Amino acid sequence: MHNTILDNELEELKSEILRMGALIEKSVCQAIVSLIEDDVDLAQQVIAGDDEIDGLTIDVQNKCLRLLAQHRPQAIDLRGIQADMQTATDLEGMGDCAEKMAKSTLRLHGRRTIEDLSLLSQIGFNVKGLVTSATNSYSASDVAKAKDSMHMEGEINGLNKKYFNILVDTIREDPNKADMAVQLLYATHCLERIAGHAANIGEAVIYMVTGEWTSLND
């Protein structure tokens, strides 16, 4: 007979992680918009909200450890708890990256020298889509959605390389734009890390459902 108490606690744990996921989707979106539109108020909201995300992460990790200790779960539940811990850790990582991007917005306020942010906007749009796909794959335990992350992350990495070269050329050709270009390089790296964390969640979902770790970067 399956442990009904464990089932209920696993559902509560999943609900808390999904709450984290919703906060992260909002935070990532706000960080991207703040940087592109020079919205200082939005950037400050992202920074202020990071403490709540950190607190939820600690709570989720503690609950996972308690479930492991108290219930000695069967294989499929054990995989689920491991995937929950991985997902929470990667969501926190996304939140940290969003906070760093928001701080770039603050650093650049009043000192902007590059107007064309269309490629950054495209990268940001793709990253938002990837984060949504990853959280949806976790919510539905959907392997197909998890595997979609592979293609989406690859496309983002390609755009990042293109933008990296553009920004390096900008620094070389116009020293007056160097400060902003450096901050944009930093922000692009943060977007790349967010995409990597989202792909990790996809890997965790595949493991949870199939019992196999599959690297989406292979």
C-alpha atoms as a PDB file:
ATOM      1  CA  MET A   1       0.000   0.000   0.000  1.00  0.00           C
ATOM      2  CA  HIS A   2       1.365   3.352  -1.002  1.00  0.00           C
ATOM      3  CA  ASN A   3       2.058   5.961   1.630  1.00  0.00           C
ATOM      4  CA  THR A   4      -0.827   8.456   1.439  1.00  0.00           C
ATOM      5  CA  ILE A   5       0.885  10.855   3.847  1.00  0.00           C
ATOM      6  CA  LEU A   6       3.964  10.890   1.606  1.00  0.00           C
ATOM      7  CA  ASP A   7       1.792  11.468  -1.465  1.00  0.00           C
ATOM      8  CA  ASN A   8       0.184  14.491   0.171  1.00  0.00           C
ATOM      9  CA  GLU A   9       3.526  15.901   1.265  1.00  0.00           C
ATOM     10  CA  LEU A  10       4.972  15.412  -2.227  1.00  0.00           C
ATOM     11  CA  GLU A  11       2.027  17.331  -3.692  1.00  0.00           C
ATOM     12  CA  GLU A  12       2.582  20.160  -1.212  1.00  0.00           C
ATOM     13  CA  LEU A  13       6.267  20.199  -2.131  1.00  0.00           C
ATOM     14  CA  LYS A  14       5.468  20.369  -5.830  1.00  0.00           C
ATOM     15  CA  SER A  15       3.039  23.242  -5.223  1.00  0.00           C
ATOM     16  CA  GLU A  16       5.757  25.186  -3.418  1.00  0.00           C
ATOM     17  CA  ILE A  17       8.213  24.616  -6.252  1.00  0.00           C
ATOM     18  CA  LEU A  18       5.608  25.735  -8.789  1.00  0.00           C
ATOM     19  CA  ARG A  19       5.151  28.886  -6.718  1.00  0.00           C
ATOM     20  CA  MET A  20       8.904  29.401  -6.951  1.00  0.00           C
ATOM     21  CA  GLY A  21       8.690  28.840 -10.696  1.00  0.00           C
ATOM     22  CA  ALA A  22       6.019  31.514 -11.095  1.00  0.00           C
ATOM     23  CA  LEU A  23       8.114  33.990  -9.099  1.00  0.00           C
ATOM     24  CA  ILE A  24      11.165  33.192 -11.214  1.00  0.00           C
ATOM     25  CA  GLU A  25       9.315  33.620 -14.504  1.00  0.00           C
ATOM     26  CA  LYS A  26       8.147  37.043 -13.300  1.00  0.00           C
ATOM     27  CA  SER A  27      11.599  38.008 -12.014  1.00  0.00           C
ATOM     28  CA  VAL A  28      13.405  36.993 -15.216  1.00  0.00           C
ATOM     29  CA  CYS A  29      10.882  38.865 -17.340  1.00  0.00           C
ATOM     30  CA  GLN A  30      11.145  41.990 -15.181  1.00  0.00           C
ATOM     31  CA  ALA A  31      14.949  41.894 -15.229  1.00  0.00           C
ATOM     32  CA  ILE A  32      15.032  41.696 -19.024  1.00  0.00           C
ATOM     33  CA  VAL A  33      12.493  44.486 -19.466  1.00  0.00           C
ATOM     34  CA  SER A  34      14.254  46.671 -16.900  1.00  0.00           C
ATOM     35  CA  LEU A  35      17.538  46.373 -18.789  1.00  0.00           C
ATOM     36  CA  ILE A  36      16.078  47.004 -22.226  1.00  0.00           C
ATOM     37  CA  GLU A  37      13.791  49.863 -21.182  1.00  0.00           C
ATOM     38  CA  ASP A  38      16.048  51.440 -18.516  1.00  0.00           C
ATOM     39  CA  ASP A  39      13.350  50.863 -15.906  1.00  0.00           C
ATOM     40  CA  VAL A  40      14.984  51.417 -12.526  1.00  0.00           C
ATOM     41  CA  ASP A  41      11.804  50.775 -10.515  1.00  0.00           C
ATOM     42  CA  LEU A  42      11.374  47.372 -12.136  1.00  0.00           C
ATOM     43  CA  ALA A  43      15.020  46.526 -11.482  1.00  0.00           C
ATOM     44  CA  GLN A  44      14.609  47.379  -7.805  1.00  0.00           C
ATOM     45  CA  GLN A  45      11.543  45.101  -7.620  1.00  0.00           C
ATOM     46  CA  VAL A  46      13.639  42.216  -8.935  1.00  0.00           C
ATOM     47  CA  ILE A  47      16.386  42.840  -6.388  1.00  0.00           C
ATOM     48  CA  ALA A  48      13.901  43.175  -3.510  1.00  0.00           C
ATOM     49  CA  GLY A  49      12.127  39.952  -4.506  1.00  0.00           C
ATOM     50  CA  ASP A  50      15.229  37.766  -4.464  1.00  0.00           C
ATOM     51  CA  ASP A  51      15.076  37.246  -0.685  1.00  0.00           C
ATOM     52  CA  GLU A  52      11.674  35.547  -0.984  1.00  0.00           C
ATOM     53  CA  ILE A  53      13.031  33.201  -3.639  1.00  0.00           C
ATOM     54  CA  ASP A  54      16.054  32.348  -1.488  1.00  0.00           C
ATOM     55  CA  GLY A  55      13.779  31.651   1.472  1.00  0.00           C
ATOM     56  CA  LEU A  56      11.558  29.334  -0.574  1.00  0.00           C
ATOM     57  CA  THR A  57      14.626  27.466  -1.826  1.00  0.00           C
ATOM     58  CA  ILE A  58      15.832  26.768   1.711  1.00  0.00           C
ATOM     59  CA  ASP A  59      12.336  25.668   2.729  1.00  0.00           C
ATOM     60  CA  VAL A  60      12.021  23.293  -0.244  1.00  0.00           C
ATOM     61  CA  GLN A  61      15.452  21.774   0.336  1.00  0.00           C
ATOM     62  CA  ASN A  62      14.692  21.222   4.036  1.00  0.00           C
ATOM     63  CA  LYS A  63      11.393  19.559   3.184  1.00  0.00           C
ATOM     64  CA  CYS A  64      13.100  17.278   0.670  1.00  0.00           C
ATOM     65  CA  LEU A  65      15.661  16.169   3.252  1.00  0.00           C
ATOM     66  CA  ARG A  66      12.940  15.589   5.846  1.00  0.00           C
ATOM     67  CA  LEU A  67      10.924  13.444   3.411  1.00  0.00           C
ATOM     68  CA  LEU A  68      14.002  11.369   2.618  1.00  0.00           C
ATOM     69  CA  ALA A  69      14.726  10.844   6.304  1.00  0.00           C
ATOM     70  CA  GLN A  70      11.202  10.128   7.507  1.00  0.00           C
ATOM     71  CA  HIS A  71       9.632   8.072   4.729  1.00  0.00           C
ATOM     72  CA  ARG A  72      12.449   6.189   3.016  1.00  0.00           C
ATOM     73  CA  PRO A  73      10.585   6.579  -0.282  1.00  0.00           C
ATOM     74  CA  GLN A  74      10.399   3.965  -3.033  1.00  0.00           C
ATOM     75  CA  ALA A  75      12.415   4.412  -6.215  1.00  0.00           C
ATOM     76  CA  ILE A  76       9.937   6.520  -8.175  1.00  0.00           C
ATOM     77  CA  ASP A  77       9.245   8.832  -5.202  1.00  0.00           C
ATOM     78  CA  LEU A  78      12.963   9.033  -4.488  1.00  0.00           C
ATOM     79  CA  ARG A  79      13.578  10.189  -8.065  1.00  0.00           C
ATOM     80  CA  GLY A  80      10.830  12.756  -7.665  1.00  0.00           C
ATOM     81  CA  ILE A  81      12.371  14.196  -4.516  1.00  0.00           C
ATOM     82  CA  GLN A  82      15.797  14.341  -6.162  1.00  0.00           C
ATOM     83  CA  ALA A  83      14.263  16.115  -9.149  1.00  0.00           C
ATOM     84  CA  ASP A  84      12.474  18.528  -6.795  1.00  0.00           C
ATOM     85  CA  MET A  85      15.771  19.445  -5.106  1.00  0.00           C
ATOM     86  CA  GLN A  86      17.480  19.910  -8.462  1.00  0.00           C
ATOM     87  CA  THR A  87      14.629  22.048  -9.784  1.00  0.00           C
ATOM     88  CA  ALA A  88      14.582  24.267  -6.692  1.00  0.00           C
ATOM     89  CA  THR A  89      18.349  24.757  -6.891  1.00  0.00           C
ATOM     90  CA  ASP A  90      18.176  25.736 -10.564  1.00  0.00           C
ATOM     91  CA  LEU A  91      15.246  28.071  -9.986  1.00  0.00           C
ATOM     92  CA  GLU A  92      17.268  29.823  -7.286  1.00  0.00           C
ATOM     93  CA  GLY A  93      20.158  30.088  -9.744  1.00  0.00           C
ATOM     94  CA  MET A  94      17.862  31.755 -12.260  1.00  0.00           C
ATOM     95  CA  GLY A  95      16.740  34.205  -9.595  1.00  0.00           C
ATOM     96  CA  ASP A  96      20.335  35.101  -8.779  1.00  0.00           C
ATOM     97  CA  CYS A  97      21.017  35.772 -12.467  1.00  0.00           C
ATOM     98  CA  ALA A  98      17.904  37.936 -12.767  1.00  0.00           C
ATOM     99  CA  GLU A  99      19.077  39.958  -9.764  1.00  0.00           C
ATOM    100  CA  LYS A 100      22.495  40.467 -11.385  1.00  0.00           C
ATOM    101  CA  MET A 101      20.852  41.706 -14.581  1.00  0.00           C
ATOM    102  CA  ALA A 102      18.708  44.118 -12.570  1.00  0.00           C
ATOM    103  CA  LYS A 103      21.872  45.494 -10.951  1.00  0.00           C
ATOM    104  CA  SER A 104      23.290  46.096 -14.442  1.00  0.00           C
ATOM    105  CA  THR A 105      20.178  48.184 -15.154  1.00  0.00           C
ATOM    106  CA  LEU A 106      20.983  50.337 -12.117  1.00  0.00           C
ATOM    107  CA  ARG A 107      24.655  50.680 -13.089  1.00  0.00           C
ATOM    108  CA  LEU A 108      23.714  51.843 -16.590  1.00  0.00           C
ATOM    109  CA  HIS A 109      21.046  54.327 -15.563  1.00  0.00           C
ATOM    110  CA  GLY A 110      22.020  57.764 -16.870  1.00  0.00           C
ATOM    111  CA  ARG A 111      25.088  56.335 -18.620  1.00  0.00           C
ATOM    112  CA  ARG A 112      23.593  54.634 -21.677  1.00  0.00           C
ATOM    113  CA  THR A 113      25.560  54.900 -24.907  1.00  0.00           C
ATOM    114  CA  ILE A 114      24.159  52.021 -26.994  1.00  0.00           C
ATOM    115  CA  GLU A 115      20.646  52.429 -28.359  1.00  0.00           C
ATOM    116  CA  ASP A 116      20.110  49.315 -30.468  1.00  0.00           C
ATOM    117  CA  LEU A 117      19.193  46.502 -28.085  1.00  0.00           C
ATOM    118  CA  SER A 118      17.149  44.498 -30.580  1.00  0.00           C
ATOM    119  CA  LEU A 119      19.358  41.398 -30.420  1.00  0.00           C
ATOM    120  CA  LEU A 120      19.406  41.487 -26.615  1.00  0.00           C
ATOM    121  CA  SER A 121      15.619  41.734 -26.760  1.00  0.00           C
ATOM    122  CA  GLN A 122      15.464  38.654 -28.990  1.00  0.00           C
ATOM    123  CA  ILE A 123      17.725  36.686 -26.655  1.00  0.00           C
ATOM    124  CA  GLY A 124      15.607  37.769 -23.701  1.00  0.00           C
ATOM    125  CA  PHE A 125      12.399  36.727 -25.457  1.00  0.00           C
ATOM    126  CA  ASN A 126      13.836  33.284 -26.177  1.00  0.00           C
ATOM    127  CA  VAL A 127      15.092  32.877 -22.614  1.00  0.00           C
ATOM    128  CA  LYS A 128      11.649  33.769 -21.208  1.00  0.00           C
ATOM    129  CA  GLY A 129      10.146  31.115 -23.494  1.00  0.00           C
ATOM    130  CA  LEU A 130      12.681  28.534 -22.324  1.00  0.00           C
ATOM    131  CA  VAL A 131      12.021  29.259 -18.642  1.00  0.00           C
ATOM    132  CA  THR A 132       8.281  28.855 -19.221  1.00  0.00           C
ATOM    133  CA  SER A 133       8.845  25.606 -21.117  1.00  0.00           C
ATOM    134  CA  ALA A 134      11.033  24.219 -18.335  1.00  0.00           C
ATOM    135  CA  THR A 135       8.568  25.072 -15.556  1.00  0.00           C
ATOM    136  CA  ASN A 136       5.689  23.660 -17.597  1.00  0.00           C
ATOM    137  CA  SER A 137       7.607  20.424 -18.183  1.00  0.00           C
ATOM    138  CA  TYR A 138       8.124  20.119 -14.436  1.00  0.00           C
ATOM    139  CA  SER A 139       4.487  20.905 -13.660  1.00  0.00           C
ATOM    140  CA  ALA A 140       3.180  18.254 -16.084  1.00  0.00           C
ATOM    141  CA  SER A 141       6.079  15.763 -15.762  1.00  0.00           C
ATOM    142  CA  ASP A 142       6.264  16.098 -19.542  1.00  0.00           C
ATOM    143  CA  VAL A 143       9.345  14.537 -21.139  1.00  0.00           C
ATOM    144  CA  ALA A 144       8.565  15.952 -24.587  1.00  0.00           C
ATOM    145  CA  LYS A 145       8.450  19.505 -23.221  1.00  0.00           C
ATOM    146  CA  ALA A 146      11.668  18.839 -21.303  1.00  0.00           C
ATOM    147  CA  LYS A 147      13.411  17.740 -24.493  1.00  0.00           C
ATOM    148  CA  ASP A 148      12.241  20.909 -26.241  1.00  0.00           C
ATOM    149  CA  SER A 149      14.717  22.697 -23.976  1.00  0.00           C
ATOM    150  CA  MET A 150      17.584  21.207 -25.973  1.00  0.00           C
ATOM    151  CA  HIS A 151      16.638  23.012 -29.169  1.00  0.00           C
ATOM    152  CA  MET A 152      15.708  26.230 -27.410  1.00  0.00           C
ATOM    153  CA  GLU A 153      18.949  26.435 -25.414  1.00  0.00           C
ATOM    154  CA  GLY A 154      20.985  25.751 -28.561  1.00  0.00           C
ATOM    155  CA  GLU A 155      19.300  28.631 -30.380  1.00  0.00           C
ATOM    156  CA  ILE A 156      19.926  30.955 -27.439  1.00  0.00           C
ATOM    157  CA  ASN A 157      23.606  29.976 -27.305  1.00  0.00           C
ATOM    158  CA  GLY A 158      23.934  30.769 -31.017  1.00  0.00           C
ATOM    159  CA  LEU A 159      22.438  34.228 -30.537  1.00  0.00           C
ATOM    160  CA  ASN A 160      24.662  34.812 -27.510  1.00  0.00           C
ATOM    161  CA  LYS A 161      27.801  34.096 -29.532  1.00  0.00           C
ATOM    162  CA  LYS A 162      26.643  36.474 -32.243  1.00  0.00           C
ATOM    163  CA  TYR A 163      25.908  39.224 -29.717  1.00  0.00           C
ATOM    164  CA  PHE A 164      29.208  38.629 -27.910  1.00  0.00           C
ATOM    165  CA  ASN A 165      31.103  39.315 -31.150  1.00  0.00           C
ATOM    166  CA  ILE A 166      29.043  42.445 -31.839  1.00  0.00           C
ATOM    167  CA  LEU A 167      29.730  43.842 -28.364  1.00  0.00           C
ATOM    168  CA  VAL A 168      33.451  43.055 -28.528  1.00  0.00           C
ATOM    169  CA  ASP A 169      33.625  44.874 -31.877  1.00  0.00           C
ATOM    170  CA  THR A 170      31.750  47.806 -30.331  1.00  0.00           C
ATOM    171  CA  ILE A 171      34.304  48.059 -27.508  1.00  0.00           C
ATOM    172  CA  ARG A 172      37.147  47.931 -30.015  1.00  0.00           C
ATOM    173  CA  GLU A 173      35.652  50.534 -32.355  1.00  0.00           C
ATOM    174  CA  ASP A 174      34.195  53.046 -29.887  1.00  0.00           C
ATOM    175  CA  PRO A 175      35.741  53.291 -26.398  1.00  0.00           C
ATOM    176  CA  ASN A 176      32.932  55.664 -25.350  1.00  0.00           C
ATOM    177  CA  LYS A 177      30.524  52.734 -25.558  1.00  0.00           C
ATOM    178  CA  ALA A 178      32.789  50.330 -23.674  1.00  0.00           C
ATOM    179  CA  ASP A 179      31.164  50.684 -20.233  1.00  0.00           C
ATOM    180  CA  MET A 180      27.695  49.841 -21.503  1.00  0.00           C
ATOM    181  CA  ALA A 181      28.994  47.106 -23.774  1.00  0.00           C
ATOM    182  CA  VAL A 182      30.700  45.427 -20.793  1.00  0.00           C
ATOM    183  CA  GLN A 183      27.461  45.533 -18.783  1.00  0.00           C
ATOM    184  CA  LEU A 184      25.582  44.046 -21.741  1.00  0.00           C
ATOM    185  CA  LEU A 185      28.182  41.287 -22.026  1.00  0.00           C
ATOM    186  CA  TYR A 186      27.609  40.569 -18.340  1.00  0.00           C
ATOM    187  CA  ALA A 187      23.839  40.533 -18.820  1.00  0.00           C
ATOM    188  CA  THR A 188      24.150  38.225 -21.821  1.00  0.00           C
ATOM    189  CA  HIS A 189      26.195  35.831 -19.705  1.00  0.00           C
ATOM    190  CA  CYS A 190      23.410  35.914 -17.092  1.00  0.00           C
ATOM    191  CA  LEU A 191      20.838  35.065 -19.770  1.00  0.00           C
ATOM    192  CA  GLU A 192      23.034  32.184 -20.900  1.00  0.00           C
ATOM    193  CA  ARG A 193      23.192  30.893 -17.324  1.00  0.00           C
ATOM    194  CA  ILE A 194      19.409  31.161 -16.959  1.00  0.00           C
ATOM    195  CA  ALA A 195      19.037  29.066 -20.110  1.00  0.00           C
ATOM    196  CA  GLY A 196      21.474  26.530 -18.667  1.00  0.00           C
ATOM    197  CA  HIS A 197      19.497  26.278 -15.431  1.00  0.00           C
ATOM    198  CA  ALA A 198      16.286  25.785 -17.426  1.00  0.00           C
ATOM    199  CA  ALA A 199      17.910  22.942 -19.379  1.00  0.00           C
ATOM    200  CA  ASN A 200      18.963  21.382 -16.065  1.00  0.00           C
ATOM    201  CA  ILE A 201      15.317  21.352 -14.991  1.00  0.00           C
ATOM    202  CA  GLY A 202      14.483  19.553 -18.228  1.00  0.00           C
ATOM    203  CA  GLU A 203      17.103  16.935 -17.402  1.00  0.00           C
ATOM    204  CA  ALA A 204      15.643  16.538 -13.901  1.00  0.00           C
ATOM    205  CA  VAL A 205      12.152  16.013 -15.344  1.00  0.00           C
ATOM    206  CA  ILE A 206      13.414  13.316 -17.705  1.00  0.00           C
ATOM    207  CA  TYR A 207      15.161  11.606 -14.798  1.00  0.00           C
ATOM    208  CA  MET A 208      12.047  11.838 -12.625  1.00  0.00           C
ATOM    209  CA  VAL A 209       9.883  10.186 -15.296  1.00  0.00           C
ATOM    210  CA  THR A 210      12.303   7.678 -16.869  1.00  0.00           C
ATOM    211  CA  GLY A 211      14.950   7.065 -14.215  1.00  0.00           C
ATOM    212  CA  GLU A 212      17.709   8.087 -16.629  1.00  0.00           C
ATOM    213  CA  TRP A 213      19.887  11.183 -16.560  1.00  0.00           C
ATOM    214  CA  THR A 214      19.961  12.571 -20.089  1.00  0.00           C
ATOM    215  CA  SER A 215      22.146  15.567 -20.844  1.00  0.00           C
ATOM    216  CA  LEU A 216      20.312  17.955 -23.097  1.00  0.00           C
ATOM    217  CA  ASN A 217      23.668  19.385 -24.139  1.00  0.00           C
ATOM    218  CA  ASP A 218      24.903  16.185 -25.788  1.00  0.00           C
END
